[in-house]
Amino acid sequence: MTTIKHKLLTGTSNDCLRLWNIKNLEVNLEQTNTNDSNYGLTIQDEFQLDDEIISESFNNTFDMSIVGTSCGSLWYICWTTERAKTHPVASHTHRITGVILIEVTHSYK
């Protein structure tokens, strides 16, 4: 579970990666008479992957991520309007326990 700028990311044991919008959560938790059982917590997007999520790394705005699963797969996730998931590595021979996302700050010509 990771949070940044009104977003919460969770990975479930049933292979689901979810991006939640938590912008109104704090305000709604303070209200004692709310009828909303989720307190304003809403799913913004979700992806089904091939196994349980064991590692993840994101850029500083949660737009892009690399996710490792317990079956040895790596996934590139794009949460922007593209809404894409790409499977660049499958069947890695060893368990993936961590990933690091490095942002490129210069352009290649």
N, C-alpha and C. Protein backbone atom coordinates (compact mmCIF):
# COMPACT_ATOMS: atom_id res chain seq x y z
N MET A 1 0.84 -1.16 0.00
CA MET A 1 0.00 0.00 0.00
C MET A 1 0.90 1.23 0.00
N THR A 2 0.60 2.16 -0.92
CA THR A 2 1.38 3.38 -1.06
C THR A 2 0.42 4.54 -1.31
N THR A 3 0.76 5.74 -0.80
CA THR A 3 -0.10 6.90 -1.04
C THR A 3 0.72 8.08 -1.54
N ILE A 4 0.09 8.91 -2.36
CA ILE A 4 0.68 10.17 -2.82
C ILE A 4 -0.43 11.03 -3.42
N LYS A 5 -0.44 12.31 -3.12
CA LYS A 5 -1.35 13.29 -3.72
C LYS A 5 -2.77 12.78 -3.90
N HIS A 6 -3.43 12.45 -2.85
CA HIS A 6 -4.82 12.00 -2.87
C HIS A 6 -5.03 10.70 -3.62
N LYS A 7 -3.98 9.90 -3.74
CA LYS A 7 -4.11 8.60 -4.39
C LYS A 7 -3.58 7.53 -3.45
N LEU A 8 -4.22 6.39 -3.45
CA LEU A 8 -3.80 5.24 -2.66
C LEU A 8 -3.70 4.06 -3.60
N LEU A 9 -2.60 3.34 -3.54
CA LEU A 9 -2.42 2.17 -4.38
C LEU A 9 -2.39 0.94 -3.50
N THR A 10 -3.18 -0.07 -3.86
CA THR A 10 -3.19 -1.32 -3.12
C THR A 10 -3.01 -2.49 -4.08
N GLY A 11 -2.35 -3.51 -3.59
CA GLY A 11 -2.22 -4.76 -4.32
C GLY A 11 -2.86 -5.85 -3.48
N THR A 12 -3.70 -6.65 -4.09
CA THR A 12 -4.43 -7.66 -3.34
C THR A 12 -3.85 -9.05 -3.55
N SER A 13 -4.23 -9.97 -2.68
CA SER A 13 -3.76 -11.35 -2.80
C SER A 13 -4.44 -12.08 -3.96
N ASN A 14 -5.49 -11.49 -4.53
CA ASN A 14 -6.13 -12.10 -5.69
C ASN A 14 -5.69 -11.42 -6.99
N ASP A 15 -4.44 -10.94 -7.02
CA ASP A 15 -3.77 -10.47 -8.24
C ASP A 15 -4.29 -9.15 -8.79
N CYS A 16 -4.91 -8.34 -7.98
CA CYS A 16 -5.52 -7.10 -8.47
C CYS A 16 -4.76 -5.89 -7.93
N LEU A 17 -4.40 -4.99 -8.83
CA LEU A 17 -3.74 -3.74 -8.49
C LEU A 17 -4.78 -2.63 -8.61
N ARG A 18 -5.02 -1.89 -7.52
CA ARG A 18 -6.08 -0.88 -7.52
C ARG A 18 -5.52 0.50 -7.18
N LEU A 19 -5.99 1.50 -7.91
CA LEU A 19 -5.67 2.90 -7.65
C LEU A 19 -6.93 3.56 -7.12
N TRP A 20 -6.86 4.09 -5.90
CA TRP A 20 -8.02 4.69 -5.22
C TRP A 20 -7.87 6.21 -5.19
N ASN A 21 -8.98 6.91 -5.27
CA ASN A 21 -9.02 8.35 -5.08
C ASN A 21 -9.41 8.59 -3.62
N ILE A 22 -8.53 9.22 -2.85
CA ILE A 22 -8.80 9.45 -1.43
C ILE A 22 -8.90 10.94 -1.10
N LYS A 23 -9.17 11.75 -2.11
CA LYS A 23 -9.20 13.21 -1.92
C LYS A 23 -10.16 13.64 -0.81
N ASN A 24 -11.34 13.06 -0.74
CA ASN A 24 -12.34 13.48 0.24
C ASN A 24 -12.38 12.60 1.49
N LEU A 25 -11.48 11.67 1.59
CA LEU A 25 -11.51 10.71 2.69
C LEU A 25 -11.38 11.37 4.06
N GLU A 26 -10.40 12.24 4.25
CA GLU A 26 -10.18 12.86 5.56
C GLU A 26 -11.38 13.69 5.99
N VAL A 27 -11.94 14.46 5.08
CA VAL A 27 -13.11 15.29 5.39
C VAL A 27 -14.29 14.41 5.77
N ASN A 28 -14.53 13.35 5.00
CA ASN A 28 -15.67 12.47 5.26
C ASN A 28 -15.51 11.65 6.54
N LEU A 29 -14.30 11.32 6.92
CA LEU A 29 -14.08 10.59 8.17
C LEU A 29 -14.43 11.45 9.38
N GLU A 30 -14.25 12.76 9.25
CA GLU A 30 -14.55 13.67 10.36
C GLU A 30 -16.05 13.88 10.54
N GLN A 31 -16.83 13.60 9.51
CA GLN A 31 -18.29 13.77 9.59
C GLN A 31 -18.90 12.53 10.24
N THR A 32 -19.65 12.75 11.29
CA THR A 32 -20.23 11.61 12.01
C THR A 32 -21.55 11.14 11.42
N ASN A 33 -22.19 11.96 10.61
CA ASN A 33 -23.50 11.60 10.09
C ASN A 33 -23.47 11.25 8.59
N THR A 34 -22.37 10.78 8.09
CA THR A 34 -22.29 10.45 6.67
C THR A 34 -23.04 9.16 6.38
N ASN A 35 -23.72 9.13 5.24
CA ASN A 35 -24.44 7.93 4.80
C ASN A 35 -23.60 7.06 3.87
N ASP A 36 -22.45 7.57 3.48
CA ASP A 36 -21.57 6.86 2.56
C ASP A 36 -20.70 5.89 3.35
N SER A 37 -20.93 4.59 3.19
CA SER A 37 -20.17 3.60 3.95
C SER A 37 -18.70 3.54 3.54
N ASN A 38 -18.36 4.07 2.36
CA ASN A 38 -16.97 4.10 1.91
C ASN A 38 -16.28 5.42 2.26
N TYR A 39 -17.00 6.35 2.87
CA TYR A 39 -16.46 7.64 3.29
C TYR A 39 -15.81 8.41 2.14
N GLY A 40 -16.30 8.25 0.93
CA GLY A 40 -15.76 8.97 -0.21
C GLY A 40 -14.59 8.29 -0.88
N LEU A 41 -14.21 7.14 -0.41
CA LEU A 41 -13.11 6.38 -1.01
C LEU A 41 -13.63 5.69 -2.27
N THR A 42 -13.04 6.00 -3.43
CA THR A 42 -13.52 5.42 -4.69
C THR A 42 -12.38 4.83 -5.49
N ILE A 43 -12.67 3.75 -6.21
CA ILE A 43 -11.66 3.15 -7.09
C ILE A 43 -11.56 4.00 -8.34
N GLN A 44 -10.34 4.45 -8.62
CA GLN A 44 -10.09 5.25 -9.82
C GLN A 44 -9.79 4.33 -11.00
N ASP A 45 -9.07 3.24 -10.76
CA ASP A 45 -8.72 2.31 -11.82
C ASP A 45 -8.21 1.02 -11.20
N GLU A 46 -8.22 -0.06 -11.98
CA GLU A 46 -7.65 -1.32 -11.49
C GLU A 46 -7.17 -2.17 -12.66
N PHE A 47 -6.18 -3.00 -12.37
CA PHE A 47 -5.63 -3.95 -13.34
C PHE A 47 -5.56 -5.33 -12.70
N GLN A 48 -5.91 -6.32 -13.45
CA GLN A 48 -5.76 -7.71 -13.02
C GLN A 48 -4.42 -8.20 -13.55
N LEU A 49 -3.57 -8.75 -12.69
CA LEU A 49 -2.26 -9.26 -13.10
C LEU A 49 -2.26 -10.78 -13.01
N ASP A 50 -1.09 -11.40 -13.20
CA ASP A 50 -1.03 -12.86 -13.31
C ASP A 50 -0.78 -13.60 -12.00
N ASP A 51 -0.47 -12.89 -10.92
CA ASP A 51 -0.23 -13.53 -9.62
C ASP A 51 -0.18 -12.44 -8.56
N GLU A 52 0.03 -12.83 -7.30
CA GLU A 52 0.04 -11.84 -6.23
C GLU A 52 1.18 -10.85 -6.41
N ILE A 53 0.94 -9.62 -6.02
CA ILE A 53 1.89 -8.53 -6.19
C ILE A 53 2.85 -8.54 -5.01
N ILE A 54 4.16 -8.60 -5.33
CA ILE A 54 5.14 -8.68 -4.25
C ILE A 54 6.09 -7.49 -4.22
N SER A 55 6.16 -6.71 -5.31
CA SER A 55 7.01 -5.52 -5.31
C SER A 55 6.46 -4.52 -6.31
N GLU A 56 6.78 -3.25 -6.06
CA GLU A 56 6.30 -2.20 -6.95
C GLU A 56 7.18 -0.97 -6.80
N SER A 57 7.23 -0.19 -7.88
CA SER A 57 7.92 1.08 -7.85
C SER A 57 7.19 2.03 -8.79
N PHE A 58 7.02 3.28 -8.35
CA PHE A 58 6.23 4.25 -9.11
C PHE A 58 6.99 5.54 -9.29
N ASN A 59 6.62 6.28 -10.34
CA ASN A 59 7.17 7.62 -10.45
C ASN A 59 6.49 8.50 -9.40
N ASN A 60 6.93 9.73 -9.28
CA ASN A 60 6.46 10.57 -8.16
C ASN A 60 5.02 11.05 -8.29
N THR A 61 4.35 10.79 -9.41
CA THR A 61 2.95 11.19 -9.56
C THR A 61 2.01 10.00 -9.73
N PHE A 62 2.53 8.80 -9.60
CA PHE A 62 1.74 7.55 -9.77
C PHE A 62 1.24 7.35 -11.20
N ASP A 63 1.82 8.03 -12.17
CA ASP A 63 1.37 7.85 -13.56
C ASP A 63 1.91 6.57 -14.17
N MET A 64 3.12 6.19 -13.79
CA MET A 64 3.77 4.99 -14.34
C MET A 64 4.31 4.14 -13.20
N SER A 65 4.33 2.83 -13.42
CA SER A 65 4.85 1.95 -12.39
C SER A 65 5.40 0.67 -12.99
N ILE A 66 6.26 0.03 -12.23
CA ILE A 66 6.74 -1.31 -12.54
C ILE A 66 6.31 -2.18 -11.36
N VAL A 67 5.69 -3.31 -11.65
CA VAL A 67 5.16 -4.19 -10.62
C VAL A 67 5.71 -5.59 -10.82
N GLY A 68 6.17 -6.23 -9.75
CA GLY A 68 6.63 -7.62 -9.80
C GLY A 68 5.61 -8.53 -9.15
N THR A 69 5.40 -9.70 -9.74
CA THR A 69 4.46 -10.67 -9.18
C THR A 69 5.20 -11.92 -8.73
N SER A 70 4.57 -12.72 -7.89
CA SER A 70 5.24 -13.87 -7.29
C SER A 70 5.56 -14.98 -8.28
N CYS A 71 4.98 -14.97 -9.47
CA CYS A 71 5.31 -16.00 -10.46
C CYS A 71 6.49 -15.59 -11.33
N GLY A 72 7.12 -14.44 -11.02
CA GLY A 72 8.31 -14.02 -11.74
C GLY A 72 8.05 -13.08 -12.90
N SER A 73 6.92 -12.43 -12.91
CA SER A 73 6.60 -11.49 -13.99
C SER A 73 6.85 -10.05 -13.57
N LEU A 74 7.22 -9.23 -14.54
CA LEU A 74 7.28 -7.79 -14.35
C LEU A 74 6.22 -7.17 -15.25
N TRP A 75 5.56 -6.15 -14.74
CA TRP A 75 4.52 -5.45 -15.49
C TRP A 75 4.83 -3.96 -15.48
N TYR A 76 4.70 -3.32 -16.65
CA TYR A 76 4.75 -1.86 -16.75
C TYR A 76 3.30 -1.40 -16.75
N ILE A 77 2.94 -0.52 -15.82
CA ILE A 77 1.58 -0.02 -15.70
C ILE A 77 1.58 1.48 -16.00
N CYS A 78 0.67 1.91 -16.86
CA CYS A 78 0.49 3.33 -17.17
C CYS A 78 -0.92 3.71 -16.77
N TRP A 79 -1.06 4.56 -15.75
CA TRP A 79 -2.36 4.94 -15.21
C TRP A 79 -2.97 6.14 -15.93
N THR A 80 -2.27 6.76 -16.87
CA THR A 80 -2.79 7.95 -17.55
C THR A 80 -3.91 7.57 -18.50
N THR A 81 -4.24 8.46 -19.40
CA THR A 81 -5.33 8.20 -20.33
C THR A 81 -5.07 6.99 -21.22
N GLU A 82 -3.79 6.62 -21.38
CA GLU A 82 -3.47 5.40 -22.14
C GLU A 82 -4.06 4.17 -21.46
N ARG A 83 -4.07 4.18 -20.14
CA ARG A 83 -4.52 3.04 -19.33
C ARG A 83 -3.99 1.73 -19.90
N ALA A 84 -2.69 1.54 -19.79
CA ALA A 84 -2.06 0.38 -20.41
C ALA A 84 -1.27 -0.44 -19.39
N LYS A 85 -1.23 -1.75 -19.64
CA LYS A 85 -0.32 -2.61 -18.90
C LYS A 85 0.44 -3.43 -19.93
N THR A 86 1.74 -3.51 -19.74
CA THR A 86 2.61 -4.23 -20.66
C THR A 86 3.39 -5.26 -19.86
N HIS A 87 3.57 -6.40 -20.43
CA HIS A 87 4.22 -7.53 -19.76
C HIS A 87 5.62 -7.71 -20.35
N PRO A 88 6.60 -6.86 -19.97
CA PRO A 88 7.92 -6.94 -20.59
C PRO A 88 8.76 -8.14 -20.17
N VAL A 89 8.53 -8.70 -18.98
CA VAL A 89 9.30 -9.84 -18.51
C VAL A 89 8.35 -10.88 -17.93
N ALA A 90 8.44 -12.11 -18.46
CA ALA A 90 7.63 -13.21 -17.94
C ALA A 90 8.55 -14.36 -17.58
N SER A 91 8.18 -15.10 -16.58
CA SER A 91 8.91 -16.31 -16.17
C SER A 91 10.36 -16.03 -15.82
N HIS A 92 10.60 -14.98 -15.08
CA HIS A 92 11.93 -14.72 -14.54
C HIS A 92 12.29 -15.90 -13.66
N THR A 93 13.53 -16.37 -13.71
CA THR A 93 13.89 -17.62 -13.02
C THR A 93 13.94 -17.50 -11.50
N HIS A 94 14.11 -16.30 -10.97
CA HIS A 94 14.15 -16.12 -9.52
C HIS A 94 13.03 -15.18 -9.08
N ARG A 95 12.64 -15.27 -7.83
CA ARG A 95 11.58 -14.41 -7.29
C ARG A 95 12.03 -12.95 -7.32
N ILE A 96 11.19 -12.08 -7.82
CA ILE A 96 11.48 -10.65 -7.88
C ILE A 96 11.04 -10.04 -6.56
N THR A 97 11.99 -9.48 -5.81
CA THR A 97 11.65 -8.95 -4.49
C THR A 97 11.68 -7.43 -4.43
N GLY A 98 12.12 -6.79 -5.48
CA GLY A 98 12.14 -5.33 -5.49
C GLY A 98 12.40 -4.81 -6.88
N VAL A 99 11.87 -3.64 -7.15
CA VAL A 99 12.10 -2.97 -8.43
C VAL A 99 12.31 -1.49 -8.16
N ILE A 100 13.06 -0.83 -9.03
CA ILE A 100 13.31 0.60 -8.91
C ILE A 100 12.99 1.24 -10.24
N LEU A 101 12.17 2.27 -10.23
CA LEU A 101 11.82 3.02 -11.42
C LEU A 101 12.73 4.24 -11.49
N ILE A 102 13.46 4.38 -12.60
CA ILE A 102 14.36 5.52 -12.78
C ILE A 102 13.78 6.39 -13.88
N GLU A 103 13.49 7.64 -13.56
CA GLU A 103 12.93 8.56 -14.54
C GLU A 103 14.07 9.18 -15.35
N VAL A 104 13.90 9.20 -16.66
CA VAL A 104 14.88 9.83 -17.55
C VAL A 104 14.55 11.31 -17.61
N THR A 105 15.53 12.15 -17.30
CA THR A 105 15.27 13.59 -17.26
C THR A 105 15.87 14.31 -18.46
N HIS A 106 16.48 13.59 -19.37
CA HIS A 106 17.02 14.23 -20.58
C HIS A 106 16.53 13.46 -21.80
N SER A 107 16.60 14.11 -22.95
CA SER A 107 16.11 13.46 -24.17
C SER A 107 17.27 12.97 -25.01
N TYR A 108 17.01 11.91 -25.77
CA TYR A 108 18.01 11.36 -26.67
C TYR A 108 17.74 11.87 -28.07
N LYS A 109 18.78 12.15 -28.82
CA LYS A 109 18.61 12.63 -30.20
C LYS A 109 19.20 11.65 -31.17
